[in-house]
PDB file of N, CA and C in Angstrom:
ATOM      1  N   MET A   1     -14.449 -28.212 -17.599  1.00  0.00           N
ATOM      2  CA  MET A   1     -13.091 -27.410 -18.092  1.00  0.00           C
ATOM      3  C   MET A   1     -13.408 -26.074 -16.619  1.00  0.00           C
ATOM      4  N   PRO A   2     -11.983 -25.768 -16.577  1.00  0.00           N
ATOM      5  CA  PRO A   2     -12.113 -25.012 -15.339  1.00  0.00           C
ATOM      6  C   PRO A   2     -12.236 -23.850 -16.432  1.00  0.00           C
ATOM      7  N   PRO A   3     -12.762 -22.950 -15.417  1.00  0.00           N
ATOM      8  CA  PRO A   3     -13.070 -21.256 -16.087  1.00  0.00           C
ATOM      9  C   PRO A   3     -11.890 -20.143 -16.322  1.00  0.00           C
ATOM     10  N   THR A   4     -12.103 -19.293 -17.024  1.00  0.00           N
ATOM     11  CA  THR A   4     -11.573 -18.839 -17.916  1.00  0.00           C
ATOM     12  C   THR A   4     -11.482 -16.503 -16.552  1.00  0.00           C
ATOM     13  N   PHE A   5     -10.063 -16.923 -16.062  1.00  0.00           N
ATOM     14  CA  PHE A   5      -9.952 -15.829 -15.361  1.00  0.00           C
ATOM     15  C   PHE A   5      -9.094 -14.971 -16.344  1.00  0.00           C
ATOM     16  N   ALA A   6      -9.589 -13.413 -16.202  1.00  0.00           N
ATOM     17  CA  ALA A   6      -9.067 -12.327 -16.954  1.00  0.00           C
ATOM     18  C   ALA A   6      -8.641 -11.320 -15.788  1.00  0.00           C
ATOM     19  N   ARG A   7      -7.280 -10.177 -15.957  1.00  0.00           N
ATOM     20  CA  ARG A   7      -7.058  -9.410 -15.180  1.00  0.00           C
ATOM     21  C   ARG A   7      -7.893  -8.104 -15.347  1.00  0.00           C
ATOM     22  N   GLY A   8      -8.404  -7.640 -14.263  1.00  0.00           N
ATOM     23  CA  GLY A   8      -9.233  -6.659 -13.656  1.00  0.00           C
ATOM     24  C   GLY A   8     -10.413  -7.137 -13.262  1.00  0.00           C
ATOM     25  N   ASP A   9     -10.867  -8.945 -13.345  1.00  0.00           N
ATOM     26  CA  ASP A   9     -11.977 -10.527 -12.838  1.00  0.00           C
ATOM     27  C   ASP A   9     -11.771  -9.561 -10.473  1.00  0.00           C
ATOM     28  N   VAL A  10     -13.028  -9.407 -10.108  1.00  0.00           N
ATOM     29  CA  VAL A  10     -12.734  -9.361  -8.959  1.00  0.00           C
ATOM     30  C   VAL A  10     -13.704 -11.060  -8.797  1.00  0.00           C
ATOM     31  N   VAL A  11     -12.835 -11.444  -7.380  1.00  0.00           N
ATOM     32  CA  VAL A  11     -13.306 -12.680  -7.552  1.00  0.00           C
ATOM     33  C   VAL A  11     -12.791 -13.329  -5.930  1.00  0.00           C
ATOM     34  N   LEU A  12     -13.991 -14.340  -5.504  1.00  0.00           N
ATOM     35  CA  LEU A  12     -13.877 -14.456  -3.950  1.00  0.00           C
ATOM     36  C   LEU A  12     -12.640 -15.665  -3.772  1.00  0.00           C
ATOM     37  N   THR A  13     -11.452 -15.728  -2.581  1.00  0.00           N
ATOM     38  CA  THR A  13     -10.360 -17.000  -2.504  1.00  0.00           C
ATOM     39  C   THR A  13      -9.995 -16.840  -1.695  1.00  0.00           C
ATOM     40  N   LEU A  14      -9.317 -18.353  -1.037  1.00  0.00           N
ATOM     41  CA  LEU A  14      -8.176 -18.319  -0.154  1.00  0.00           C
ATOM     42  C   LEU A  14      -7.244 -17.234  -0.430  1.00  0.00           C
ATOM     43  N   PHE A  15      -7.296 -16.470   0.847  1.00  0.00           N
ATOM     44  CA  PHE A  15      -6.176 -15.013   0.329  1.00  0.00           C
ATOM     45  C   PHE A  15      -4.727 -15.999   2.073  1.00  0.00           C
ATOM     46  N   PRO A  16      -3.851 -15.431   1.178  1.00  0.00           N
ATOM     47  CA  PRO A  16      -3.014 -15.838   2.404  1.00  0.00           C
ATOM     48  C   PRO A  16      -2.870 -14.182   3.599  1.00  0.00           C
ATOM     49  N   PHE A  17      -2.402 -14.365   4.894  1.00  0.00           N
ATOM     50  CA  PHE A  17      -2.631 -13.494   6.162  1.00  0.00           C
ATOM     51  C   PHE A  17      -1.246 -13.840   5.678  1.00  0.00           C
ATOM     52  N   THR A  18      -0.297 -12.125   5.398  1.00  0.00           N
ATOM     53  CA  THR A  18       0.588 -11.796   4.874  1.00  0.00           C
ATOM     54  C   THR A  18       1.957 -12.004   6.279  1.00  0.00           C
ATOM     55  N   ASP A  19       1.824 -13.177   7.580  1.00  0.00           N
ATOM     56  CA  ASP A  19       2.553 -13.560   8.572  1.00  0.00           C
ATOM     57  C   ASP A  19       2.460 -15.132   8.055  1.00  0.00           C
ATOM     58  N   LEU A  20       1.886 -15.174   6.676  1.00  0.00           N
ATOM     59  CA  LEU A  20       1.722 -16.985   6.737  1.00  0.00           C
ATOM     60  C   LEU A  20       1.103 -17.540   7.579  1.00  0.00           C
ATOM     61  N   THR A  21       0.714 -16.952   8.724  1.00  0.00           N
ATOM     62  CA  THR A  21      -0.554 -17.694   9.797  1.00  0.00           C
ATOM     63  C   THR A  21      -1.601 -18.318   9.772  1.00  0.00           C
ATOM     64  N   GLY A  22      -1.968 -18.395   7.821  1.00  0.00           N
ATOM     65  CA  GLY A  22      -3.414 -19.342   7.995  1.00  0.00           C
ATOM     66  C   GLY A  22      -4.165 -18.185   6.779  1.00  0.00           C
ATOM     67  N   GLN A  23      -4.976 -18.445   6.779  1.00  0.00           N
ATOM     68  CA  GLN A  23      -5.714 -17.140   4.794  1.00  0.00           C
ATOM     69  C   GLN A  23      -7.046 -17.216   5.188  1.00  0.00           C
ATOM     70  N   SER A  24      -8.155 -16.639   4.879  1.00  0.00           N
ATOM     71  CA  SER A  24      -9.121 -16.680   4.993  1.00  0.00           C
ATOM     72  C   SER A  24      -9.622 -16.569   3.877  1.00  0.00           C
ATOM     73  N   VAL A  25     -10.968 -16.328   3.232  1.00  0.00           N
ATOM     74  CA  VAL A  25     -11.981 -16.134   1.966  1.00  0.00           C
ATOM     75  C   VAL A  25     -12.196 -14.749   1.584  1.00  0.00           C
ATOM     76  N   ARG A  26     -11.500 -14.455   1.398  1.00  0.00           N
ATOM     77  CA  ARG A  26     -11.611 -12.993   1.227  1.00  0.00           C
ATOM     78  C   ARG A  26     -12.219 -12.893  -0.651  1.00  0.00           C
ATOM     79  N   PRO A  27     -12.199 -11.620  -0.701  1.00  0.00           N
ATOM     80  CA  PRO A  27     -12.379 -10.847  -2.491  1.00  0.00           C
ATOM     81  C   PRO A  27     -10.736 -10.646  -2.415  1.00  0.00           C
ATOM     82  N   ALA A  28     -10.197 -10.420  -3.970  1.00  0.00           N
ATOM     83  CA  ALA A  28      -9.055  -9.767  -4.801  1.00  0.00           C
ATOM     84  C   ALA A  28      -9.759  -9.697  -5.833  1.00  0.00           C
ATOM     85  N   MET A  29      -8.762  -8.614  -6.416  1.00  0.00           N
ATOM     86  CA  MET A  29      -8.541  -8.846  -8.454  1.00  0.00           C
ATOM     87  C   MET A  29      -7.430  -9.450  -8.873  1.00  0.00           C
ATOM     88  N   ILE A  30      -7.309 -10.585 -10.056  1.00  0.00           N
ATOM     89  CA  ILE A  30      -6.742 -10.408 -10.638  1.00  0.00           C
ATOM     90  C   ILE A  30      -6.062  -9.232 -11.358  1.00  0.00           C
ATOM     91  N   VAL A  31      -4.664  -9.387 -10.850  1.00  0.00           N
ATOM     92  CA  VAL A  31      -3.601  -8.496 -11.186  1.00  0.00           C
ATOM     93  C   VAL A  31      -2.594  -8.989 -12.644  1.00  0.00           C
ATOM     94  N   SER A  32      -2.714  -9.956 -12.836  1.00  0.00           N
ATOM     95  CA  SER A  32      -1.858 -10.882 -13.701  1.00  0.00           C
ATOM     96  C   SER A  32      -2.632 -11.073 -15.077  1.00  0.00           C
ATOM     97  N   PRO A  33      -2.341 -11.794 -16.215  1.00  0.00           N
ATOM     98  CA  PRO A  33      -2.708 -11.375 -17.636  1.00  0.00           C
ATOM     99  C   PRO A  33      -3.794 -12.072 -17.605  1.00  0.00           C
ATOM    100  N   GLY A  34      -3.952 -12.930 -16.386  1.00  0.00           N
ATOM    101  CA  GLY A  34      -4.478 -14.439 -16.381  1.00  0.00           C
ATOM    102  C   GLY A  34      -3.745 -15.410 -16.040  1.00  0.00           C
ATOM    103  N   LEU A  35      -3.685 -16.738 -16.355  1.00  0.00           N
ATOM    104  CA  LEU A  35      -2.942 -17.919 -15.381  1.00  0.00           C
ATOM    105  C   LEU A  35      -1.142 -17.417 -16.205  1.00  0.00           C
ATOM    106  N   LEU A  36      -0.580 -17.732 -15.210  1.00  0.00           N
ATOM    107  CA  LEU A  36       0.572 -18.296 -15.113  1.00  0.00           C
ATOM    108  C   LEU A  36       0.806 -19.501 -14.591  1.00  0.00           C
ATOM    109  N   GLY A  37       1.676 -20.240 -15.786  1.00  0.00           N
ATOM    110  CA  GLY A  37       1.065 -21.387 -15.115  1.00  0.00           C
ATOM    111  C   GLY A  37      -0.293 -22.281 -14.481  1.00  0.00           C
ATOM    112  N   ASP A  38       0.093 -22.342 -13.982  1.00  0.00           N
ATOM    113  CA  ASP A  38      -1.279 -22.688 -12.943  1.00  0.00           C
ATOM    114  C   ASP A  38      -1.559 -21.998 -11.878  1.00  0.00           C
ATOM    115  N   ASP A  39      -1.521 -20.585 -12.028  1.00  0.00           N
ATOM    116  CA  ASP A  39      -1.532 -19.406 -10.714  1.00  0.00           C
ATOM    117  C   ASP A  39      -1.771 -18.176 -11.374  1.00  0.00           C
ATOM    118  N   LEU A  40      -2.709 -17.590 -10.466  1.00  0.00           N
ATOM    119  CA  LEU A  40      -2.790 -16.203 -10.773  1.00  0.00           C
ATOM    120  C   LEU A  40      -2.409 -15.111  -9.834  1.00  0.00           C
ATOM    121  N   VAL A  41      -1.901 -13.634 -10.125  1.00  0.00           N
ATOM    122  CA  VAL A  41      -1.204 -13.311  -9.241  1.00  0.00           C
ATOM    123  C   VAL A  41      -2.488 -11.886  -8.561  1.00  0.00           C
ATOM    124  N   LEU A  42      -2.743 -11.875  -7.375  1.00  0.00           N
ATOM    125  CA  LEU A  42      -4.199 -11.511  -6.683  1.00  0.00           C
ATOM    126  C   LEU A  42      -3.370 -10.201  -6.521  1.00  0.00           C
ATOM    127  N   ALA A  43      -4.485  -8.690  -6.121  1.00  0.00           N
ATOM    128  CA  ALA A  43      -4.312  -8.102  -4.934  1.00  0.00           C
ATOM    129  C   ALA A  43      -5.853  -8.199  -3.956  1.00  0.00           C
ATOM    130  N   GLY A  44      -5.099  -8.160  -2.613  1.00  0.00           N
ATOM    131  CA  GLY A  44      -7.088  -8.359  -1.639  1.00  0.00           C
ATOM    132  C   GLY A  44      -6.950  -7.053  -1.923  1.00  0.00           C
ATOM    133  N   ILE A  45      -8.395  -7.440  -1.469  1.00  0.00           N
ATOM    134  CA  ILE A  45      -9.359  -5.887  -1.235  1.00  0.00           C
ATOM    135  C   ILE A  45     -10.289  -6.130   0.148  1.00  0.00           C
ATOM    136  N   SER A  46     -10.348  -4.884   0.910  1.00  0.00           N
ATOM    137  CA  SER A  46     -10.411  -5.671   2.477  1.00  0.00           C
ATOM    138  C   SER A  46     -12.046  -4.400   2.477  1.00  0.00           C
ATOM    139  N   SER A  47     -12.665  -4.921   3.295  1.00  0.00           N
ATOM    140  CA  SER A  47     -14.205  -4.151   3.911  1.00  0.00           C
ATOM    141  C   SER A  47     -13.977  -3.009   4.492  1.00  0.00           C
ATOM    142  N   VAL A  48     -12.910  -3.629   5.597  1.00  0.00           N
ATOM    143  CA  VAL A  48     -12.695  -2.606   6.096  1.00  0.00           C
ATOM    144  C   VAL A  48     -11.570  -1.424   5.856  1.00  0.00           C
ATOM    145  N   VAL A  49     -12.772  -0.327   6.056  1.00  0.00           N
ATOM    146  CA  VAL A  49     -12.304   0.968   6.101  1.00  0.00           C
ATOM    147  C   VAL A  49     -11.822   2.095   6.440  1.00  0.00           C
ATOM    148  N   ARG A  50     -11.245   1.521   7.534  1.00  0.00           N
ATOM    149  CA  ARG A  50     -10.883   2.852   8.230  1.00  0.00           C
ATOM    150  C   ARG A  50      -8.949   2.863   8.603  1.00  0.00           C
ATOM    151  N   GLY A  51      -8.362   4.075   9.600  1.00  0.00           N
ATOM    152  CA  GLY A  51      -7.074   3.778   9.595  1.00  0.00           C
ATOM    153  C   GLY A  51      -6.417   4.598   8.626  1.00  0.00           C
ATOM    154  N   ALA A  52      -5.241   5.611   8.665  1.00  0.00           N
ATOM    155  CA  ALA A  52      -4.172   5.714   7.742  1.00  0.00           C
ATOM    156  C   ALA A  52      -4.606   4.574   6.766  1.00  0.00           C
ATOM    157  N   PHE A  53      -4.112   4.951   4.657  1.00  0.00           N
ATOM    158  CA  PHE A  53      -4.050   4.812   4.237  1.00  0.00           C
ATOM    159  C   PHE A  53      -3.054   5.064   3.583  1.00  0.00           C
ATOM    160  N   VAL A  54      -2.023   3.476   2.659  1.00  0.00           N
ATOM    161  CA  VAL A  54      -0.591   4.117   2.444  1.00  0.00           C
ATOM    162  C   VAL A  54      -1.189   4.115   0.395  1.00  0.00           C
ATOM    163  N   PRO A  55       0.160   4.820  -0.098  1.00  0.00           N
ATOM    164  CA  PRO A  55      -0.189   5.005  -2.349  1.00  0.00           C
ATOM    165  C   PRO A  55      -0.331   4.350  -2.335  1.00  0.00           C
ATOM    166  N   THR A  56      -0.624   2.568  -2.035  1.00  0.00           N
ATOM    167  CA  THR A  56      -0.949   1.872  -3.544  1.00  0.00           C
ATOM    168  C   THR A  56      -2.352   1.374  -2.234  1.00  0.00           C
ATOM    169  N   ASP A  57      -3.039   1.963  -1.729  1.00  0.00           N
ATOM    170  CA  ASP A  57      -4.424   1.579  -1.644  1.00  0.00           C
ATOM    171  C   ASP A  57      -5.610   2.665  -2.668  1.00  0.00           C
ATOM    172  N   PHE A  58      -6.432   1.787  -2.443  1.00  0.00           N
ATOM    173  CA  PHE A  58      -7.075   2.153  -3.083  1.00  0.00           C
ATOM    174  C   PHE A  58      -9.034   2.323  -3.095  1.00  0.00           C
ATOM    175  N   LEU A  59      -9.716   3.122  -2.547  1.00  0.00           N
ATOM    176  CA  LEU A  59     -11.384   3.346  -1.631  1.00  0.00           C
ATOM    177  C   LEU A  59     -12.031   3.552  -3.189  1.00  0.00           C
ATOM    178  N   VAL A  60     -12.504   2.800  -3.486  1.00  0.00           N
ATOM    179  CA  VAL A  60     -13.624   2.111  -3.856  1.00  0.00           C
ATOM    180  C   VAL A  60     -14.897   2.297  -3.066  1.00  0.00           C
ATOM    181  N   ASP A  61     -16.065   3.609  -3.180  1.00  0.00           N
ATOM    182  CA  ASP A  61     -16.701   3.485  -2.415  1.00  0.00           C
ATOM    183  C   ASP A  61     -18.442   3.064  -3.451  1.00  0.00           C
ATOM    184  N   SER A  62     -19.125   2.592  -2.759  1.00  0.00           N
ATOM    185  CA  SER A  62     -20.169   2.445  -3.310  1.00  0.00           C
ATOM    186  C   SER A  62     -21.381   3.316  -3.890  1.00  0.00           C
ATOM    187  N   SER A  63     -20.816   4.957  -3.628  1.00  0.00           N
ATOM    188  CA  SER A  63     -21.390   5.474  -4.747  1.00  0.00           C
ATOM    189  C   SER A  63     -20.316   5.638  -6.261  1.00  0.00           C
ATOM    190  N   HIS A  64     -19.330   4.907  -6.124  1.00  0.00           N
ATOM    191  CA  HIS A  64     -18.423   5.144  -7.777  1.00  0.00           C
ATOM    192  C   HIS A  64     -19.483   4.760  -8.227  1.00  0.00           C
ATOM    193  N   PRO A  65     -19.206   4.711 -10.049  1.00  0.00           N
ATOM    194  CA  PRO A  65     -19.657   4.423 -11.042  1.00  0.00           C
ATOM    195  C   PRO A  65     -19.519   3.443 -12.029  1.00  0.00           C
ATOM    196  N   GLU A  66     -18.342   3.491 -11.066  1.00  0.00           N
ATOM    197  CA  GLU A  66     -18.643   1.557 -11.943  1.00  0.00           C
ATOM    198  C   GLU A  66     -18.516   0.100 -10.665  1.00  0.00           C
ATOM    199  N   PHE A  67     -18.731   0.720  -9.128  1.00  0.00           N
ATOM    200  CA  PHE A  67     -18.483  -0.296  -8.047  1.00  0.00           C
ATOM    201  C   PHE A  67     -20.040  -1.385  -8.299  1.00  0.00           C
ATOM    202  N   PRO A  68     -20.951  -1.453  -9.292  1.00  0.00           N
ATOM    203  CA  PRO A  68     -21.519  -2.179  -9.144  1.00  0.00           C
ATOM    204  C   PRO A  68     -21.369  -3.710  -9.774  1.00  0.00           C
ATOM    205  N   LEU A  69     -19.715  -3.155 -10.842  1.00  0.00           N
ATOM    206  CA  LEU A  69     -19.063  -4.037 -11.712  1.00  0.00           C
ATOM    207  C   LEU A  69     -18.613  -4.853 -10.567  1.00  0.00           C
ATOM    208  N   THR A  70     -17.963  -4.836  -9.684  1.00  0.00           N
ATOM    209  CA  THR A  70     -17.629  -5.766  -9.129  1.00  0.00           C
ATOM    210  C   THR A  70     -18.290  -6.343  -8.117  1.00  0.00           C
ATOM    211  N   GLY A  71     -18.799  -6.530  -7.510  1.00  0.00           N
ATOM    212  CA  GLY A  71     -19.539  -7.575  -7.321  1.00  0.00           C
ATOM    213  C   GLY A  71     -19.359  -7.173  -5.679  1.00  0.00           C
ATOM    214  N   LEU A  72     -18.911  -6.253  -5.723  1.00  0.00           N
ATOM    215  CA  LEU A  72     -18.912  -5.819  -4.126  1.00  0.00           C
ATOM    216  C   LEU A  72     -19.899  -5.604  -3.804  1.00  0.00           C
ATOM    217  N   ARG A  73     -19.852  -6.029  -2.272  1.00  0.00           N
ATOM    218  CA  ARG A  73     -21.480  -5.546  -1.251  1.00  0.00           C
ATOM    219  C   ARG A  73     -21.504  -4.037  -0.568  1.00  0.00           C
ATOM    220  N   VAL A  74     -20.335  -3.747  -0.172  1.00  0.00           N
ATOM    221  CA  VAL A  74     -19.675  -2.439   0.639  1.00  0.00           C
ATOM    222  C   VAL A  74     -18.472  -1.814  -0.322  1.00  0.00           C
ATOM    223  N   SER A  75     -18.465  -0.875   0.224  1.00  0.00           N
ATOM    224  CA  SER A  75     -17.302  -0.025  -0.123  1.00  0.00           C
ATOM    225  C   SER A  75     -16.353  -0.492   0.192  1.00  0.00           C
ATOM    226  N   SER A  76     -14.853  -0.764  -0.308  1.00  0.00           N
ATOM    227  CA  SER A  76     -13.854  -1.668  -0.326  1.00  0.00           C
ATOM    228  C   SER A  76     -12.567  -1.028  -0.445  1.00  0.00           C
ATOM    229  N   VAL A  77     -11.460  -1.193   0.065  1.00  0.00           N
ATOM    230  CA  VAL A  77      -9.536  -1.234  -0.173  1.00  0.00           C
ATOM    231  C   VAL A  77      -9.448  -1.523  -1.242  1.00  0.00           C
ATOM    232  N   PHE A  78      -9.102  -1.562  -2.303  1.00  0.00           N
ATOM    233  CA  PHE A  78      -8.258  -2.251  -2.719  1.00  0.00           C
ATOM    234  C   PHE A  78      -6.740  -2.644  -2.629  1.00  0.00           C
ATOM    235  N   ARG A  79      -5.899  -3.577  -1.496  1.00  0.00           N
ATOM    236  CA  ARG A  79      -4.696  -3.029  -1.716  1.00  0.00           C
ATOM    237  C   ARG A  79      -4.163  -3.429  -2.026  1.00  0.00           C
ATOM    238  N   LEU A  80      -2.879  -2.649  -3.271  1.00  0.00           N
ATOM    239  CA  LEU A  80      -2.723  -3.350  -4.170  1.00  0.00           C
ATOM    240  C   LEU A  80      -0.893  -4.249  -4.096  1.00  0.00           C
ATOM    241  N   HIS A  81      -0.446  -3.584  -2.709  1.00  0.00           N
ATOM    242  CA  HIS A  81       0.421  -3.628  -2.354  1.00  0.00           C
ATOM    243  C   HIS A  81       0.267  -5.744  -1.153  1.00  0.00           C
ATOM    244  N   LYS A  82      -0.924  -5.350  -1.283  1.00  0.00           N
ATOM    245  CA  LYS A  82      -0.821  -6.978  -0.487  1.00  0.00           C
ATOM    246  C   LYS A  82      -1.334  -8.160  -1.762  1.00  0.00           C
ATOM    247  N   LEU A  83       0.218  -8.584  -2.792  1.00  0.00           N
ATOM    248  CA  LEU A  83      -0.379  -9.872  -3.858  1.00  0.00           C
ATOM    249  C   LEU A  83       0.062 -10.660  -3.340  1.00  0.00           C
ATOM    250  N   ALA A  84      -0.276 -11.215  -3.922  1.00  0.00           N
ATOM    251  CA  ALA A  84      -0.150 -12.708  -3.956  1.00  0.00           C
ATOM    252  C   ALA A  84      -0.547 -13.796  -4.761  1.00  0.00           C
ATOM    253  N   ALA A  85       0.655 -14.855  -4.890  1.00  0.00           N
ATOM    254  CA  ALA A  85       0.202 -15.756  -6.153  1.00  0.00           C
ATOM    255  C   ALA A  85       0.138 -17.539  -5.837  1.00  0.00           C
ATOM    256  N   VAL A  86      -1.468 -17.840  -5.777  1.00  0.00           N
ATOM    257  CA  VAL A  86      -2.314 -18.467  -5.627  1.00  0.00           C
ATOM    258  C   VAL A  86      -2.275 -19.617  -7.064  1.00  0.00           C
ATOM    259  N   GLU A  87      -3.442 -20.772  -6.682  1.00  0.00           N
ATOM    260  CA  GLU A  87      -3.309 -20.947  -7.761  1.00  0.00           C
ATOM    261  C   GLU A  87      -4.772 -20.708  -7.889  1.00  0.00           C
ATOM    262  N   GLN A  88      -5.211 -21.338  -9.899  1.00  0.00           N
ATOM    263  CA  GLN A  88      -6.638 -21.094  -9.555  1.00  0.00           C
ATOM    264  C   GLN A  88      -7.463 -21.868  -8.805  1.00  0.00           C
ATOM    265  N   THR A  89      -7.640 -23.312  -8.692  1.00  0.00           N
ATOM    266  CA  THR A  89      -8.599 -23.701  -7.485  1.00  0.00           C
ATOM    267  C   THR A  89      -9.013 -23.072  -7.136  1.00  0.00           C
ATOM    268  N   VAL A  90      -7.645 -22.257  -6.164  1.00  0.00           N
ATOM    269  CA  VAL A  90      -8.677 -21.892  -4.768  1.00  0.00           C
ATOM    270  C   VAL A  90      -9.530 -21.367  -4.611  1.00  0.00           C
ATOM    271  N   ILE A  91      -9.582 -20.345  -6.103  1.00  0.00           N
ATOM    272  CA  ILE A  91     -10.882 -19.526  -5.957  1.00  0.00           C
ATOM    273  C   ILE A  91     -12.186 -20.644  -5.772  1.00  0.00           C
ATOM    274  N   VAL A  92     -13.059 -19.641  -5.092  1.00  0.00           N
ATOM    275  CA  VAL A  92     -14.163 -20.151  -4.771  1.00  0.00           C
ATOM    276  C   VAL A  92     -15.134 -19.258  -6.284  1.00  0.00           C
ATOM    277  N   ARG A  93     -15.455 -18.345  -6.497  1.00  0.00           N
ATOM    278  CA  ARG A  93     -16.222 -17.452  -7.876  1.00  0.00           C
ATOM    279  C   ARG A  93     -16.070 -16.866  -7.978  1.00  0.00           C
ATOM    280  N   ARG A  94     -16.224 -16.009  -9.508  1.00  0.00           N
ATOM    281  CA  ARG A  94     -16.210 -14.680  -9.835  1.00  0.00           C
ATOM    282  C   ARG A  94     -16.640 -13.585  -9.671  1.00  0.00           C
ATOM    283  N   LEU A  95     -16.992 -12.151  -8.418  1.00  0.00           N
ATOM    284  CA  LEU A  95     -17.662 -11.846  -8.444  1.00  0.00           C
ATOM    285  C   LEU A  95     -18.347 -10.996  -9.708  1.00  0.00           C
ATOM    286  N   GLY A  96     -17.561 -10.002  -9.976  1.00  0.00           N
ATOM    287  CA  GLY A  96     -17.333  -9.251 -11.450  1.00  0.00           C
ATOM    288  C   GLY A  96     -16.400  -8.823 -11.709  1.00  0.00           C
ATOM    289  N   ARG A  97     -15.814  -7.775 -12.003  1.00  0.00           N
ATOM    290  CA  ARG A  97     -14.777  -7.143 -12.640  1.00  0.00           C
ATOM    291  C   ARG A  97     -14.430  -5.590 -12.032  1.00  0.00           C
ATOM    292  N   THR A  98     -13.469  -5.604 -12.353  1.00  0.00           N
ATOM    293  CA  THR A  98     -13.107  -3.292 -12.224  1.00  0.00           C
ATOM    294  C   THR A  98     -12.983  -3.367 -13.901  1.00  0.00           C
ATOM    295  N   GLY A  99     -13.399  -1.929 -13.980  1.00  0.00           N
ATOM    296  CA  GLY A  99     -14.496  -1.149 -15.200  1.00  0.00           C
ATOM    297  C   GLY A  99     -13.134  -0.583 -15.497  1.00  0.00           C
ATOM    298  N   PRO A 100     -12.666   0.557 -16.434  1.00  0.00           N
ATOM    299  CA  PRO A 100     -11.875   1.062 -17.457  1.00  0.00           C
ATOM    300  C   PRO A 100     -11.493   2.444 -15.760  1.00  0.00           C
ATOM    301  N   LEU A 101     -12.457   2.684 -15.281  1.00  0.00           N
ATOM    302  CA  LEU A 101     -12.030   3.715 -14.517  1.00  0.00           C
ATOM    303  C   LEU A 101     -11.429   3.681 -12.772  1.00  0.00           C
ATOM    304  N   ILE A 102     -11.775   2.356 -12.689  1.00  0.00           N
ATOM    305  CA  ILE A 102     -10.824   1.544 -11.039  1.00  0.00           C
ATOM    306  C   ILE A 102      -9.546   1.170 -12.052  1.00  0.00           C
ATOM    307  N   GLN A 103      -9.908   0.390 -12.480  1.00  0.00           N
ATOM    308  CA  GLN A 103      -8.287   0.222 -13.634  1.00  0.00           C
ATOM    309  C   GLN A 103      -7.203   1.067 -13.422  1.00  0.00           C
ATOM    310  N   ALA A 104      -7.782   2.412 -14.475  1.00  0.00           N
ATOM    311  CA  ALA A 104      -6.609   3.237 -14.047  1.00  0.00           C
ATOM    312  C   ALA A 104      -6.417   4.061 -13.136  1.00  0.00           C
ATOM    313  N   GLU A 105      -6.906   3.990 -12.452  1.00  0.00           N
ATOM    314  CA  GLU A 105      -6.616   3.959 -10.043  1.00  0.00           C
ATOM    315  C   GLU A 105      -5.965   3.037  -9.823  1.00  0.00           C
ATOM    316  N   VAL A 106      -6.178   1.499 -10.049  1.00  0.00           N
ATOM    317  CA  VAL A 106      -4.778   0.782 -10.043  1.00  0.00           C
ATOM    318  C   VAL A 106      -3.945   0.413 -10.179  1.00  0.00           C
ATOM    319  N   ASP A 107      -3.621   0.992 -12.083  1.00  0.00           N
ATOM    320  CA  ASP A 107      -2.413   0.274 -12.125  1.00  0.00           C
ATOM    321  C   ASP A 107      -1.088   1.266 -12.085  1.00  0.00           C
ATOM    322  N   PRO A 108      -1.161   2.409 -12.003  1.00  0.00           N
ATOM    323  CA  PRO A 108      -0.253   3.807 -10.821  1.00  0.00           C
ATOM    324  C   PRO A 108       0.488   3.107  -9.440  1.00  0.00           C
ATOM    325  N   ARG A 109      -0.918   2.168  -8.912  1.00  0.00           N
ATOM    326  CA  ARG A 109      -0.509   2.144  -7.332  1.00  0.00           C
ATOM    327  C   ARG A 109       0.197   0.766  -7.799  1.00  0.00           C
ATOM    328  N   LEU A 110      -0.360  -0.341  -8.600  1.00  0.00           N
ATOM    329  CA  LEU A 110       0.603  -1.279  -8.709  1.00  0.00           C
ATOM    330  C   LEU A 110       1.876  -0.976  -8.915  1.00  0.00           C
ATOM    331  N   ARG A 111       2.310   0.169  -9.831  1.00  0.00           N
ATOM    332  CA  ARG A 111       3.771   0.179  -9.987  1.00  0.00           C
ATOM    333  C   ARG A 111       4.498   0.554  -9.290  1.00  0.00           C
ATOM    334  N   ILE A 112       4.062   1.548  -8.067  1.00  0.00           N
ATOM    335  CA  ILE A 112       4.421   2.133  -7.065  1.00  0.00           C
ATOM    336  C   ILE A 112       4.780   0.996  -5.834  1.00  0.00           C
ATOM    337  N   ALA A 113       3.849   0.020  -6.008  1.00  0.00           N
ATOM    338  CA  ALA A 113       4.446  -1.656  -4.969  1.00  0.00           C
ATOM    339  C   ALA A 113       5.098  -2.227  -5.608  1.00  0.00           C
ATOM    340  N   LEU A 114       5.352  -2.304  -7.169  1.00  0.00           N
ATOM    341  CA  LEU A 114       6.489  -3.302  -7.309  1.00  0.00           C
ATOM    342  C   LEU A 114       7.662  -2.222  -7.582  1.00  0.00           C
ATOM    343  N   GLY A 115       7.563  -0.989  -7.285  1.00  0.00           N
ATOM    344  CA  GLY A 115       8.623  -0.481  -8.010  1.00  0.00           C
ATOM    345  C   GLY A 115       8.846  -0.426  -9.548  1.00  0.00           C
ATOM    346  N   LEU A 116       7.959   0.200 -10.366  1.00  0.00           N
ATOM    347  CA  LEU A 116       8.043   0.065 -11.515  1.00  0.00           C
ATOM    348  C   LEU A 116       7.256   1.308 -12.090  1.00  0.00           C
TER     349      LEU A 116
END
């Protein structure tokens, strides 16, 4: 039986490049309420913390009180405008999950990204 995934889970997955030239294995956060058909909607997470941020970026520093819950190894930027729908079969594994403080920062940024 495949694992159950939920909104707020941080996973390691194949994530497509925005120009669709390829993909890489990277962390992402599930933003859908769970499976939608066979798919999950994900937001990309990057450990590259440099340059200008856009309004949909959220930095989770390793000193954040909920950072250990995420399963991430280093401070990372949740890029809430980098969204992708992927089949659950491309999820490598669950790393952790976001807590309520991180989710409270993520949700308004998702609304900005989606124009809601």
